[in-house]
Amino acid sequence: MSTAQIIKITMPDGSIWGVPAKVVAEDRANFYRDEDGEDLLRAAVQHTRRLKDEATQQRKFKEERDYVLSAEGDFALLHWAESNMDWADVEAHAFKLQDRAAMTTDDFQEGWVNGAKEVARE
């Protein structure tokens, strides 16, 4: 497991940003350390969710975090990021890796052939 793992995101403008994978892994681990196979909302409403001791919570947190930071956890890491987090959750940790890529003649040809087109009249 590497603590230097990042999630690379290509933004709509073509720029590429990085977010430390640990930020997403810890968000996911925080959720699952409290999850015990029951519906959390129902448990909260019914006040039936039992408290776990700190050692158990810390063990479960570490297991979940380490799993999604392993090669086997890539899908779970990305799925959690896309499905359970917003940009606002990671923005403070994000950093730009690459500005928008320069367009080549081939890029313009691709855009001309396959790009969205419309007739605009003034």
PDB file of N, CA and C in Angstrom:
ATOM      1  N   MET A   1       0.851  -1.169   0.000  1.00  0.00           N
ATOM      2  CA  MET A   1       0.000   0.000   0.000  1.00  0.00           C
ATOM      3  C   MET A   1       0.897   1.233   0.000  1.00  0.00           C
ATOM      4  N   SER A   2       0.624   2.126  -0.874  1.00  0.00           N
ATOM      5  CA  SER A   2       1.404   3.360  -0.961  1.00  0.00           C
ATOM      6  C   SER A   2       0.568   4.532  -0.478  1.00  0.00           C
ATOM      7  N   THR A   3       1.147   5.346   0.406  1.00  0.00           N
ATOM      8  CA  THR A   3       0.407   6.506   0.878  1.00  0.00           C
ATOM      9  C   THR A   3       0.426   7.626  -0.152  1.00  0.00           C
ATOM     10  N   ALA A   4       1.207   7.450  -1.219  1.00  0.00           N
ATOM     11  CA  ALA A   4       1.310   8.494  -2.241  1.00  0.00           C
ATOM     12  C   ALA A   4       0.354   8.253  -3.405  1.00  0.00           C
ATOM     13  N   GLN A   5      -0.566   7.328  -3.284  1.00  0.00           N
ATOM     14  CA  GLN A   5      -1.510   7.067  -4.363  1.00  0.00           C
ATOM     15  C   GLN A   5      -2.394   8.275  -4.585  1.00  0.00           C
ATOM     16  N   ILE A   6      -2.705   8.513  -5.852  1.00  0.00           N
ATOM     17  CA  ILE A   6      -3.630   9.595  -6.185  1.00  0.00           C
ATOM     18  C   ILE A   6      -4.698   9.080  -7.137  1.00  0.00           C
ATOM     19  N   ILE A   7      -5.808   9.757  -7.122  1.00  0.00           N
ATOM     20  CA  ILE A   7      -6.846   9.532  -8.116  1.00  0.00           C
ATOM     21  C   ILE A   7      -6.696  10.666  -9.112  1.00  0.00           C
ATOM     22  N   LYS A   8      -6.540  10.332 -10.385  1.00  0.00           N
ATOM     23  CA  LYS A   8      -6.425  11.339 -11.442  1.00  0.00           C
ATOM     24  C   LYS A   8      -7.793  11.569 -12.050  1.00  0.00           C
ATOM     25  N   ILE A   9      -8.144  12.833 -12.205  1.00  0.00           N
ATOM     26  CA  ILE A   9      -9.431  13.204 -12.766  1.00  0.00           C
ATOM     27  C   ILE A   9      -9.203  14.123 -13.951  1.00  0.00           C
ATOM     28  N   THR A  10      -9.766  13.773 -15.095  1.00  0.00           N
ATOM     29  CA  THR A  10      -9.716  14.645 -16.265  1.00  0.00           C
ATOM     30  C   THR A  10     -10.985  15.483 -16.254  1.00  0.00           C
ATOM     31  N   MET A  11     -10.806  16.782 -16.130  1.00  0.00           N
ATOM     32  CA  MET A  11     -11.937  17.696 -16.030  1.00  0.00           C
ATOM     33  C   MET A  11     -12.475  18.041 -17.428  1.00  0.00           C
ATOM     34  N   PRO A  12     -13.678  18.588 -17.480  1.00  0.00           N
ATOM     35  CA  PRO A  12     -14.277  18.909 -18.776  1.00  0.00           C
ATOM     36  C   PRO A  12     -13.419  19.828 -19.651  1.00  0.00           C
ATOM     37  N   ASP A  13     -12.589  20.673 -19.046  1.00  0.00           N
ATOM     38  CA  ASP A  13     -11.742  21.556 -19.857  1.00  0.00           C
ATOM     39  C   ASP A  13     -10.467  20.866 -20.328  1.00  0.00           C
ATOM     40  N   GLY A  14     -10.289  19.588 -19.992  1.00  0.00           N
ATOM     41  CA  GLY A  14      -9.114  18.842 -20.407  1.00  0.00           C
ATOM     42  C   GLY A  14      -7.980  18.866 -19.391  1.00  0.00           C
ATOM     43  N   SER A  15      -8.085  19.680 -18.358  1.00  0.00           N
ATOM     44  CA  SER A  15      -7.043  19.701 -17.331  1.00  0.00           C
ATOM     45  C   SER A  15      -7.138  18.408 -16.510  1.00  0.00           C
ATOM     46  N   ILE A  16      -6.015  18.024 -15.937  1.00  0.00           N
ATOM     47  CA  ILE A  16      -5.974  16.806 -15.132  1.00  0.00           C
ATOM     48  C   ILE A  16      -5.622  17.189 -13.702  1.00  0.00           C
ATOM     49  N   TRP A  17      -6.421  16.712 -12.771  1.00  0.00           N
ATOM     50  CA  TRP A  17      -6.264  17.015 -11.357  1.00  0.00           C
ATOM     51  C   TRP A  17      -6.013  15.732 -10.590  1.00  0.00           C
ATOM     52  N   GLY A  18      -5.362  15.864  -9.452  1.00  0.00           N
ATOM     53  CA  GLY A  18      -5.117  14.728  -8.588  1.00  0.00           C
ATOM     54  C   GLY A  18      -5.743  14.958  -7.219  1.00  0.00           C
ATOM     55  N   VAL A  19      -6.201  13.878  -6.632  1.00  0.00           N
ATOM     56  CA  VAL A  19      -6.713  13.892  -5.266  1.00  0.00           C
ATOM     57  C   VAL A  19      -6.051  12.714  -4.554  1.00  0.00           C
ATOM     58  N   PRO A  20      -5.477  12.937  -3.387  1.00  0.00           N
ATOM     59  CA  PRO A  20      -4.879  11.812  -2.663  1.00  0.00           C
ATOM     60  C   PRO A  20      -5.928  10.716  -2.432  1.00  0.00           C
ATOM     61  N   ALA A  21      -5.593   9.492  -2.822  1.00  0.00           N
ATOM     62  CA  ALA A  21      -6.519   8.367  -2.653  1.00  0.00           C
ATOM     63  C   ALA A  21      -6.877   8.182  -1.188  1.00  0.00           C
ATOM     64  N   LYS A  22      -5.979   8.543  -0.312  1.00  0.00           N
ATOM     65  CA  LYS A  22      -6.219   8.387   1.128  1.00  0.00           C
ATOM     66  C   LYS A  22      -7.441   9.178   1.584  1.00  0.00           C
ATOM     67  N   VAL A  23      -7.704  10.322   0.965  1.00  0.00           N
ATOM     68  CA  VAL A  23      -8.867  11.139   1.336  1.00  0.00           C
ATOM     69  C   VAL A  23     -10.156  10.354   1.082  1.00  0.00           C
ATOM     70  N   VAL A  24     -10.242   9.712  -0.065  1.00  0.00           N
ATOM     71  CA  VAL A  24     -11.430   8.924  -0.412  1.00  0.00           C
ATOM     72  C   VAL A  24     -11.478   7.657   0.433  1.00  0.00           C
ATOM     73  N   ALA A  25     -10.329   7.006   0.591  1.00  0.00           N
ATOM     74  CA  ALA A  25     -10.276   5.767   1.372  1.00  0.00           C
ATOM     75  C   ALA A  25     -10.739   5.998   2.802  1.00  0.00           C
ATOM     76  N   GLU A  26     -10.323   7.103   3.400  1.00  0.00           N
ATOM     77  CA  GLU A  26     -10.706   7.371   4.781  1.00  0.00           C
ATOM     78  C   GLU A  26     -12.179   7.760   4.903  1.00  0.00           C
ATOM     79  N   ASP A  27     -12.712   8.440   3.889  1.00  0.00           N
ATOM     80  CA  ASP A  27     -14.135   8.751   3.894  1.00  0.00           C
ATOM     81  C   ASP A  27     -14.946   7.462   3.870  1.00  0.00           C
ATOM     82  N   ARG A  28     -14.552   6.531   3.013  1.00  0.00           N
ATOM     83  CA  ARG A  28     -15.225   5.233   2.907  1.00  0.00           C
ATOM     84  C   ARG A  28     -15.063   4.433   4.198  1.00  0.00           C
ATOM     85  N   ALA A  29     -13.854   4.409   4.730  1.00  0.00           N
ATOM     86  CA  ALA A  29     -13.585   3.646   5.951  1.00  0.00           C
ATOM     87  C   ALA A  29     -14.392   4.184   7.132  1.00  0.00           C
ATOM     88  N   ASN A  30     -14.552   5.504   7.192  1.00  0.00           N
ATOM     89  CA  ASN A  30     -15.361   6.093   8.263  1.00  0.00           C
ATOM     90  C   ASN A  30     -16.807   5.605   8.202  1.00  0.00           C
ATOM     91  N   PHE A  31     -17.317   5.455   6.993  1.00  0.00           N
ATOM     92  CA  PHE A  31     -18.683   4.945   6.843  1.00  0.00           C
ATOM     93  C   PHE A  31     -18.766   3.486   7.283  1.00  0.00           C
ATOM     94  N   TYR A  32     -17.859   2.644   6.763  1.00  0.00           N
ATOM     95  CA  TYR A  32     -17.953   1.212   7.016  1.00  0.00           C
ATOM     96  C   TYR A  32     -17.531   0.792   8.415  1.00  0.00           C
ATOM     97  N   ARG A  33     -16.767   1.602   9.110  1.00  0.00           N
ATOM     98  CA  ARG A  33     -16.403   1.188  10.476  1.00  0.00           C
ATOM     99  C   ARG A  33     -17.628   1.218  11.377  1.00  0.00           C
ATOM    100  N   ASP A  34     -18.636   2.026  11.016  1.00  0.00           N
ATOM    101  CA  ASP A  34     -19.858   2.104  11.796  1.00  0.00           C
ATOM    102  C   ASP A  34     -20.960   1.201  11.255  1.00  0.00           C
ATOM    103  N   GLU A  35     -20.755   0.650  10.078  1.00  0.00           N
ATOM    104  CA  GLU A  35     -21.754  -0.170   9.416  1.00  0.00           C
ATOM    105  C   GLU A  35     -21.598  -1.605   9.886  1.00  0.00           C
ATOM    106  N   ASP A  36     -22.692  -2.250  10.178  1.00  0.00           N
ATOM    107  CA  ASP A  36     -22.626  -3.626  10.684  1.00  0.00           C
ATOM    108  C   ASP A  36     -23.634  -4.506   9.948  1.00  0.00           C
ATOM    109  N   GLY A  37     -23.796  -4.269   8.656  1.00  0.00           N
ATOM    110  CA  GLY A  37     -24.696  -5.089   7.878  1.00  0.00           C
ATOM    111  C   GLY A  37     -26.164  -4.775   8.092  1.00  0.00           C
ATOM    112  N   GLU A  38     -26.447  -3.673   8.766  1.00  0.00           N
ATOM    113  CA  GLU A  38     -27.843  -3.297   8.979  1.00  0.00           C
ATOM    114  C   GLU A  38     -28.102  -1.948   8.326  1.00  0.00           C
ATOM    115  N   ASP A  39     -29.332  -1.641   8.111  1.00  0.00           N
ATOM    116  CA  ASP A  39     -29.717  -0.372   7.511  1.00  0.00           C
ATOM    117  C   ASP A  39     -29.461   0.733   8.540  1.00  0.00           C
ATOM    118  N   LEU A  40     -28.458   1.568   8.258  1.00  0.00           N
ATOM    119  CA  LEU A  40     -28.068   2.586   9.238  1.00  0.00           C
ATOM    120  C   LEU A  40     -29.179   3.584   9.518  1.00  0.00           C
ATOM    121  N   LEU A  41     -29.903   3.988   8.484  1.00  0.00           N
ATOM    122  CA  LEU A  41     -30.982   4.944   8.700  1.00  0.00           C
ATOM    123  C   LEU A  41     -32.058   4.339   9.599  1.00  0.00           C
ATOM    124  N   ARG A  42     -32.447   3.127   9.297  1.00  0.00           N
ATOM    125  CA  ARG A  42     -33.461   2.459  10.119  1.00  0.00           C
ATOM    126  C   ARG A  42     -32.959   2.292  11.555  1.00  0.00           C
ATOM    127  N   ALA A  43     -31.699   1.901  11.690  1.00  0.00           N
ATOM    128  CA  ALA A  43     -31.136   1.702  13.024  1.00  0.00           C
ATOM    129  C   ALA A  43     -31.102   3.003  13.807  1.00  0.00           C
ATOM    130  N   ALA A  44     -30.765   4.086  13.119  1.00  0.00           N
ATOM    131  CA  ALA A  44     -30.731   5.377  13.803  1.00  0.00           C
ATOM    132  C   ALA A  44     -32.126   5.791  14.225  1.00  0.00           C
ATOM    133  N   VAL A  45     -33.076   5.613  13.328  1.00  0.00           N
ATOM    134  CA  VAL A  45     -34.451   5.990  13.644  1.00  0.00           C
ATOM    135  C   VAL A  45     -34.974   5.150  14.804  1.00  0.00           C
ATOM    136  N   GLN A  46     -34.674   3.891  14.820  1.00  0.00           N
ATOM    137  CA  GLN A  46     -35.168   3.006  15.870  1.00  0.00           C
ATOM    138  C   GLN A  46     -34.277   3.018  17.110  1.00  0.00           C
ATOM    139  N   HIS A  47     -33.184   3.751  17.046  1.00  0.00           N
ATOM    140  CA  HIS A  47     -32.239   3.845  18.157  1.00  0.00           C
ATOM    141  C   HIS A  47     -31.742   2.480  18.616  1.00  0.00           C
ATOM    142  N   THR A  48     -31.523   1.593  17.638  1.00  0.00           N
ATOM    143  CA  THR A  48     -31.096   0.246  18.005  1.00  0.00           C
ATOM    144  C   THR A  48     -29.624  -0.020  17.697  1.00  0.00           C
ATOM    145  N   ARG A  49     -29.010   0.938  17.038  1.00  0.00           N
ATOM    146  CA  ARG A  49     -27.606   0.722  16.687  1.00  0.00           C
ATOM    147  C   ARG A  49     -26.759   0.710  17.950  1.00  0.00           C
ATOM    148  N   ARG A  50     -26.087  -0.354  18.179  1.00  0.00           N
ATOM    149  CA  ARG A  50     -25.288  -0.445  19.399  1.00  0.00           C
ATOM    150  C   ARG A  50     -23.939   0.244  19.193  1.00  0.00           C
ATOM    151  N   LEU A  51     -23.390   0.735  20.267  1.00  0.00           N
ATOM    152  CA  LEU A  51     -22.088   1.376  20.211  1.00  0.00           C
ATOM    153  C   LEU A  51     -21.008   0.309  20.214  1.00  0.00           C
ATOM    154  N   LYS A  52     -19.996   0.543  19.437  1.00  0.00           N
ATOM    155  CA  LYS A  52     -18.864  -0.376  19.400  1.00  0.00           C
ATOM    156  C   LYS A  52     -17.717   0.255  20.146  1.00  0.00           C
ATOM    157  N   ASP A  53     -16.893  -0.569  20.698  1.00  0.00           N
ATOM    158  CA  ASP A  53     -15.752   0.007  21.408  1.00  0.00           C
ATOM    159  C   ASP A  53     -14.760   0.591  20.404  1.00  0.00           C
ATOM    160  N   GLU A  54     -13.963   1.531  20.870  1.00  0.00           N
ATOM    161  CA  GLU A  54     -13.032   2.269  20.015  1.00  0.00           C
ATOM    162  C   GLU A  54     -12.044   1.351  19.303  1.00  0.00           C
ATOM    163  N   ALA A  55     -11.594   0.301  19.960  1.00  0.00           N
ATOM    164  CA  ALA A  55     -10.622  -0.617  19.347  1.00  0.00           C
ATOM    165  C   ALA A  55     -11.225  -1.311  18.130  1.00  0.00           C
ATOM    166  N   THR A  56     -12.477  -1.725  18.237  1.00  0.00           N
ATOM    167  CA  THR A  56     -13.146  -2.379  17.114  1.00  0.00           C
ATOM    168  C   THR A  56     -13.336  -1.393  15.968  1.00  0.00           C
ATOM    169  N   GLN A  57     -13.750  -0.165  16.291  1.00  0.00           N
ATOM    170  CA  GLN A  57     -13.930   0.844  15.243  1.00  0.00           C
ATOM    171  C   GLN A  57     -12.617   1.151  14.540  1.00  0.00           C
ATOM    172  N   GLN A  58     -11.550   1.290  15.294  1.00  0.00           N
ATOM    173  CA  GLN A  58     -10.249   1.590  14.692  1.00  0.00           C
ATOM    174  C   GLN A  58      -9.757   0.435  13.824  1.00  0.00           C
ATOM    175  N   ARG A  59      -9.967  -0.804  14.268  1.00  0.00           N
ATOM    176  CA  ARG A  59      -9.559  -1.969  13.479  1.00  0.00           C
ATOM    177  C   ARG A  59     -10.327  -2.008  12.164  1.00  0.00           C
ATOM    178  N   LYS A  60     -11.638  -1.814  12.236  1.00  0.00           N
ATOM    179  CA  LYS A  60     -12.465  -1.852  11.034  1.00  0.00           C
ATOM    180  C   LYS A  60     -12.105  -0.705  10.082  1.00  0.00           C
ATOM    181  N   PHE A  61     -11.862   0.483  10.648  1.00  0.00           N
ATOM    182  CA  PHE A  61     -11.440   1.630   9.845  1.00  0.00           C
ATOM    183  C   PHE A  61     -10.157   1.298   9.081  1.00  0.00           C
ATOM    184  N   LYS A  62      -9.161   0.765   9.774  1.00  0.00           N
ATOM    185  CA  LYS A  62      -7.865   0.446   9.153  1.00  0.00           C
ATOM    186  C   LYS A  62      -8.027  -0.635   8.080  1.00  0.00           C
ATOM    187  N   GLU A  63      -8.824  -1.657   8.356  1.00  0.00           N
ATOM    188  CA  GLU A  63      -9.055  -2.715   7.367  1.00  0.00           C
ATOM    189  C   GLU A  63      -9.686  -2.153   6.098  1.00  0.00           C
ATOM    190  N   GLU A  64     -10.721  -1.329   6.261  1.00  0.00           N
ATOM    191  CA  GLU A  64     -11.401  -0.748   5.098  1.00  0.00           C
ATOM    192  C   GLU A  64     -10.478   0.178   4.320  1.00  0.00           C
ATOM    193  N   ARG A  65      -9.767   1.054   5.028  1.00  0.00           N
ATOM    194  CA  ARG A  65      -8.844   1.986   4.372  1.00  0.00           C
ATOM    195  C   ARG A  65      -7.762   1.225   3.615  1.00  0.00           C
ATOM    196  N   ASP A  66      -7.157   0.257   4.269  1.00  0.00           N
ATOM    197  CA  ASP A  66      -6.071  -0.495   3.635  1.00  0.00           C
ATOM    198  C   ASP A  66      -6.562  -1.293   2.431  1.00  0.00           C
ATOM    199  N   TYR A  67      -7.779  -1.826   2.521  1.00  0.00           N
ATOM    200  CA  TYR A  67      -8.324  -2.574   1.388  1.00  0.00           C
ATOM    201  C   TYR A  67      -8.462  -1.686   0.150  1.00  0.00           C
ATOM    202  N   VAL A  68      -9.093  -0.524   0.285  1.00  0.00           N
ATOM    203  CA  VAL A  68      -9.314   0.299  -0.904  1.00  0.00           C
ATOM    204  C   VAL A  68      -8.030   0.952  -1.402  1.00  0.00           C
ATOM    205  N   LEU A  69      -6.997   0.998  -0.576  1.00  0.00           N
ATOM    206  CA  LEU A  69      -5.712   1.517  -1.039  1.00  0.00           C
ATOM    207  C   LEU A  69      -4.841   0.426  -1.655  1.00  0.00           C
ATOM    208  N   SER A  70      -5.304  -0.829  -1.606  1.00  0.00           N
ATOM    209  CA  SER A  70      -4.581  -1.927  -2.246  1.00  0.00           C
ATOM    210  C   SER A  70      -5.009  -2.021  -3.705  1.00  0.00           C
ATOM    211  N   ALA A  71      -4.252  -2.752  -4.498  1.00  0.00           N
ATOM    212  CA  ALA A  71      -4.588  -2.913  -5.920  1.00  0.00           C
ATOM    213  C   ALA A  71      -5.960  -3.563  -6.086  1.00  0.00           C
ATOM    214  N   GLU A  72      -6.338  -4.448  -5.163  1.00  0.00           N
ATOM    215  CA  GLU A  72      -7.634  -5.115  -5.244  1.00  0.00           C
ATOM    216  C   GLU A  72      -8.784  -4.151  -4.971  1.00  0.00           C
ATOM    217  N   GLY A  73      -8.506  -3.033  -4.329  1.00  0.00           N
ATOM    218  CA  GLY A  73      -9.551  -2.105  -3.953  1.00  0.00           C
ATOM    219  C   GLY A  73      -9.780  -0.953  -4.915  1.00  0.00           C
ATOM    220  N   ASP A  74      -9.098  -0.935  -6.054  1.00  0.00           N
ATOM    221  CA  ASP A  74      -9.229   0.185  -6.984  1.00  0.00           C
ATOM    222  C   ASP A  74     -10.679   0.458  -7.389  1.00  0.00           C
ATOM    223  N   PHE A  75     -11.402  -0.599  -7.739  1.00  0.00           N
ATOM    224  CA  PHE A  75     -12.795  -0.404  -8.156  1.00  0.00           C
ATOM    225  C   PHE A  75     -13.604   0.207  -7.023  1.00  0.00           C
ATOM    226  N   ALA A  76     -13.457  -0.341  -5.816  1.00  0.00           N
ATOM    227  CA  ALA A  76     -14.216   0.163  -4.666  1.00  0.00           C
ATOM    228  C   ALA A  76     -13.855   1.616  -4.373  1.00  0.00           C
ATOM    229  N   LEU A  77     -12.581   1.954  -4.500  1.00  0.00           N
ATOM    230  CA  LEU A  77     -12.126   3.324  -4.250  1.00  0.00           C
ATOM    231  C   LEU A  77     -12.776   4.295  -5.225  1.00  0.00           C
ATOM    232  N   LEU A  78     -12.693   3.977  -6.508  1.00  0.00           N
ATOM    233  CA  LEU A  78     -13.265   4.864  -7.530  1.00  0.00           C
ATOM    234  C   LEU A  78     -14.792   4.900  -7.448  1.00  0.00           C
ATOM    235  N   HIS A  79     -15.392   3.765  -7.180  1.00  0.00           N
ATOM    236  CA  HIS A  79     -16.847   3.721  -7.054  1.00  0.00           C
ATOM    237  C   HIS A  79     -17.309   4.589  -5.891  1.00  0.00           C
ATOM    238  N   TRP A  80     -16.610   4.509  -4.773  1.00  0.00           N
ATOM    239  CA  TRP A  80     -16.978   5.331  -3.612  1.00  0.00           C
ATOM    240  C   TRP A  80     -16.850   6.816  -3.958  1.00  0.00           C
ATOM    241  N   ALA A  81     -15.740   7.175  -4.606  1.00  0.00           N
ATOM    242  CA  ALA A  81     -15.507   8.573  -4.964  1.00  0.00           C
ATOM    243  C   ALA A  81     -16.625   9.107  -5.855  1.00  0.00           C
ATOM    244  N   GLU A  82     -17.002   8.320  -6.851  1.00  0.00           N
ATOM    245  CA  GLU A  82     -18.022   8.759  -7.807  1.00  0.00           C
ATOM    246  C   GLU A  82     -19.428   8.755  -7.217  1.00  0.00           C
ATOM    247  N   SER A  83     -19.725   7.782  -6.386  1.00  0.00           N
ATOM    248  CA  SER A  83     -21.096   7.581  -5.921  1.00  0.00           C
ATOM    249  C   SER A  83     -21.422   8.237  -4.584  1.00  0.00           C
ATOM    250  N   ASN A  84     -20.399   8.520  -3.784  1.00  0.00           N
ATOM    251  CA  ASN A  84     -20.672   8.955  -2.419  1.00  0.00           C
ATOM    252  C   ASN A  84     -19.999  10.259  -2.021  1.00  0.00           C
ATOM    253  N   MET A  85     -19.238  10.842  -2.921  1.00  0.00           N
ATOM    254  CA  MET A  85     -18.534  12.076  -2.588  1.00  0.00           C
ATOM    255  C   MET A  85     -18.773  13.121  -3.673  1.00  0.00           C
ATOM    256  N   ASP A  86     -18.704  14.370  -3.276  1.00  0.00           N
ATOM    257  CA  ASP A  86     -18.804  15.482  -4.213  1.00  0.00           C
ATOM    258  C   ASP A  86     -17.441  16.167  -4.318  1.00  0.00           C
ATOM    259  N   TRP A  87     -17.303  16.993  -5.339  1.00  0.00           N
ATOM    260  CA  TRP A  87     -16.069  17.760  -5.497  1.00  0.00           C
ATOM    261  C   TRP A  87     -15.765  18.555  -4.229  1.00  0.00           C
ATOM    262  N   ALA A  88     -16.794  19.101  -3.608  1.00  0.00           N
ATOM    263  CA  ALA A  88     -16.604  19.890  -2.389  1.00  0.00           C
ATOM    264  C   ALA A  88     -15.940  19.069  -1.280  1.00  0.00           C
ATOM    265  N   ASP A  89     -16.131  17.756  -1.297  1.00  0.00           N
ATOM    266  CA  ASP A  89     -15.534  16.885  -0.283  1.00  0.00           C
ATOM    267  C   ASP A  89     -14.020  16.729  -0.462  1.00  0.00           C
ATOM    268  N   VAL A  90     -13.542  16.926  -1.684  1.00  0.00           N
ATOM    269  CA  VAL A  90     -12.114  16.692  -1.961  1.00  0.00           C
ATOM    270  C   VAL A  90     -11.371  17.937  -2.431  1.00  0.00           C
ATOM    271  N   GLU A  91     -12.099  19.000  -2.714  1.00  0.00           N
ATOM    272  CA  GLU A  91     -11.508  20.193  -3.331  1.00  0.00           C
ATOM    273  C   GLU A  91     -10.299  20.719  -2.555  1.00  0.00           C
ATOM    274  N   ALA A  92     -10.377  20.734  -1.250  1.00  0.00           N
ATOM    275  CA  ALA A  92      -9.274  21.278  -0.442  1.00  0.00           C
ATOM    276  C   ALA A  92      -8.000  20.441  -0.571  1.00  0.00           C
ATOM    277  N   HIS A  93      -8.138  19.206  -1.024  1.00  0.00           N
ATOM    278  CA  HIS A  93      -6.990  18.306  -1.156  1.00  0.00           C
ATOM    279  C   HIS A  93      -6.511  18.180  -2.604  1.00  0.00           C
ATOM    280  N   ALA A  94      -7.280  18.710  -3.547  1.00  0.00           N
ATOM    281  CA  ALA A  94      -6.997  18.535  -4.972  1.00  0.00           C
ATOM    282  C   ALA A  94      -5.850  19.437  -5.423  1.00  0.00           C
ATOM    283  N   PHE A  95      -5.141  18.959  -6.433  1.00  0.00           N
ATOM    284  CA  PHE A  95      -4.042  19.734  -7.006  1.00  0.00           C
ATOM    285  C   PHE A  95      -3.979  19.458  -8.505  1.00  0.00           C
ATOM    286  N   LYS A  96      -3.593  20.501  -9.249  1.00  0.00           N
ATOM    287  CA  LYS A  96      -3.550  20.385 -10.704  1.00  0.00           C
ATOM    288  C   LYS A  96      -2.281  19.651 -11.118  1.00  0.00           C
ATOM    289  N   LEU A  97      -2.457  18.615 -11.933  1.00  0.00           N
ATOM    290  CA  LEU A  97      -1.329  17.854 -12.456  1.00  0.00           C
ATOM    291  C   LEU A  97      -0.915  18.350 -13.833  1.00  0.00           C
ATOM    292  N   GLN A  98      -1.903  18.771 -14.615  1.00  0.00           N
ATOM    293  CA  GLN A  98      -1.615  19.170 -15.994  1.00  0.00           C
ATOM    294  C   GLN A  98      -2.677  20.146 -16.464  1.00  0.00           C
ATOM    295  N   ASP A  99      -2.225  21.211 -17.111  1.00  0.00           N
ATOM    296  CA  ASP A  99      -3.168  22.135 -17.720  1.00  0.00           C
ATOM    297  C   ASP A  99      -3.833  21.460 -18.910  1.00  0.00           C
ATOM    298  N   ARG A 100      -4.812  22.117 -19.409  1.00  0.00           N
ATOM    299  CA  ARG A 100      -5.499  21.623 -20.597  1.00  0.00           C
ATOM    300  C   ARG A 100      -4.476  21.317 -21.682  1.00  0.00           C
ATOM    301  N   ALA A 101      -4.620  20.179 -22.299  1.00  0.00           N
ATOM    302  CA  ALA A 101      -3.678  19.768 -23.332  1.00  0.00           C
ATOM    303  C   ALA A 101      -3.797  20.657 -24.563  1.00  0.00           C
ATOM    304  N   ALA A 102      -2.665  20.932 -25.182  1.00  0.00           N
ATOM    305  CA  ALA A 102      -2.655  21.715 -26.420  1.00  0.00           C
ATOM    306  C   ALA A 102      -3.278  20.881 -27.542  1.00  0.00           C
ATOM    307  N   MET A 103      -4.040  21.532 -28.370  1.00  0.00           N
ATOM    308  CA  MET A 103      -4.705  20.847 -29.469  1.00  0.00           C
ATOM    309  C   MET A 103      -3.743  20.677 -30.634  1.00  0.00           C
ATOM    310  N   THR A 104      -3.774  19.497 -31.237  1.00  0.00           N
ATOM    311  CA  THR A 104      -2.966  19.224 -32.422  1.00  0.00           C
ATOM    312  C   THR A 104      -3.873  19.267 -33.648  1.00  0.00           C
ATOM    313  N   THR A 105      -3.264  19.230 -34.816  1.00  0.00           N
ATOM    314  CA  THR A 105      -4.038  19.183 -36.060  1.00  0.00           C
ATOM    315  C   THR A 105      -4.940  17.962 -36.070  1.00  0.00           C
ATOM    316  N   ASP A 106      -4.442  16.843 -35.569  1.00  0.00           N
ATOM    317  CA  ASP A 106      -5.264  15.630 -35.508  1.00  0.00           C
ATOM    318  C   ASP A 106      -6.470  15.820 -34.592  1.00  0.00           C
ATOM    319  N   ASP A 107      -6.274  16.540 -33.479  1.00  0.00           N
ATOM    320  CA  ASP A 107      -7.390  16.810 -32.571  1.00  0.00           C
ATOM    321  C   ASP A 107      -8.467  17.635 -33.268  1.00  0.00           C
ATOM    322  N   PHE A 108      -8.029  18.657 -34.011  1.00  0.00           N
ATOM    323  CA  PHE A 108      -8.996  19.485 -34.734  1.00  0.00           C
ATOM    324  C   PHE A 108      -9.706  18.669 -35.805  1.00  0.00           C
ATOM    325  N   GLN A 109      -8.984  17.765 -36.481  1.00  0.00           N
ATOM    326  CA  GLN A 109      -9.606  16.893 -37.489  1.00  0.00           C
ATOM    327  C   GLN A 109     -10.651  16.006 -36.818  1.00  0.00           C
ATOM    328  N   GLU A 110     -10.310  15.432 -35.670  1.00  0.00           N
ATOM    329  CA  GLU A 110     -11.244  14.585 -34.930  1.00  0.00           C
ATOM    330  C   GLU A 110     -12.484  15.387 -34.532  1.00  0.00           C
ATOM    331  N   GLY A 111     -12.272  16.599 -34.037  1.00  0.00           N
ATOM    332  CA  GLY A 111     -13.389  17.460 -33.677  1.00  0.00           C
ATOM    333  C   GLY A 111     -14.255  17.799 -34.869  1.00  0.00           C
ATOM    334  N   TRP A 112     -13.619  18.070 -35.999  1.00  0.00           N
ATOM    335  CA  TRP A 112     -14.361  18.420 -37.204  1.00  0.00           C
ATOM    336  C   TRP A 112     -15.205  17.240 -37.684  1.00  0.00           C
ATOM    337  N   VAL A 113     -14.636  16.049 -37.640  1.00  0.00           N
ATOM    338  CA  VAL A 113     -15.336  14.874 -38.134  1.00  0.00           C
ATOM    339  C   VAL A 113     -16.415  14.405 -37.147  1.00  0.00           C
ATOM    340  N   ASN A 114     -16.083  14.356 -35.870  1.00  0.00           N
ATOM    341  CA  ASN A 114     -16.983  13.733 -34.896  1.00  0.00           C
ATOM    342  C   ASN A 114     -17.568  14.692 -33.860  1.00  0.00           C
ATOM    343  N   GLY A 115     -17.180  15.940 -33.892  1.00  0.00           N
ATOM    344  CA  GLY A 115     -17.662  16.889 -32.891  1.00  0.00           C
ATOM    345  C   GLY A 115     -19.110  17.278 -33.102  1.00  0.00           C
ATOM    346  N   ALA A 116     -19.731  17.732 -32.027  1.00  0.00           N
ATOM    347  CA  ALA A 116     -21.119  18.207 -32.116  1.00  0.00           C
ATOM    348  C   ALA A 116     -21.145  19.474 -32.957  1.00  0.00           C
ATOM    349  N   LYS A 117     -22.108  19.563 -33.862  1.00  0.00           N
ATOM    350  CA  LYS A 117     -22.212  20.711 -34.758  1.00  0.00           C
ATOM    351  C   LYS A 117     -23.634  21.245 -34.726  1.00  0.00           C
ATOM    352  N   GLU A 118     -23.733  22.532 -34.948  1.00  0.00           N
ATOM    353  CA  GLU A 118     -25.044  23.164 -35.091  1.00  0.00           C
ATOM    354  C   GLU A 118     -24.885  24.376 -35.982  1.00  0.00           C
ATOM    355  N   VAL A 119     -25.942  24.750 -36.656  1.00  0.00           N
ATOM    356  CA  VAL A 119     -25.952  25.943 -37.473  1.00  0.00           C
ATOM    357  C   VAL A 119     -26.456  27.082 -36.589  1.00  0.00           C
ATOM    358  N   ALA A 120     -25.660  28.156 -36.510  1.00  0.00           N
ATOM    359  CA  ALA A 120     -26.042  29.310 -35.703  1.00  0.00           C
ATOM    360  C   ALA A 120     -26.281  30.492 -36.643  1.00  0.00           C
ATOM    361  N   ARG A 121     -27.399  31.160 -36.485  1.00  0.00           N
ATOM    362  CA  ARG A 121     -27.684  32.324 -37.326  1.00  0.00           C
ATOM    363  C   ARG A 121     -27.829  33.546 -36.422  1.00  0.00           C
ATOM    364  N   GLU A 122     -27.224  34.623 -36.849  1.00  0.00           N
ATOM    365  CA  GLU A 122     -27.298  35.866 -36.071  1.00  0.00           C
ATOM    366  C   GLU A 122     -28.327  36.786 -36.653  1.00  0.00           C
TER     367      GLU A 122
END
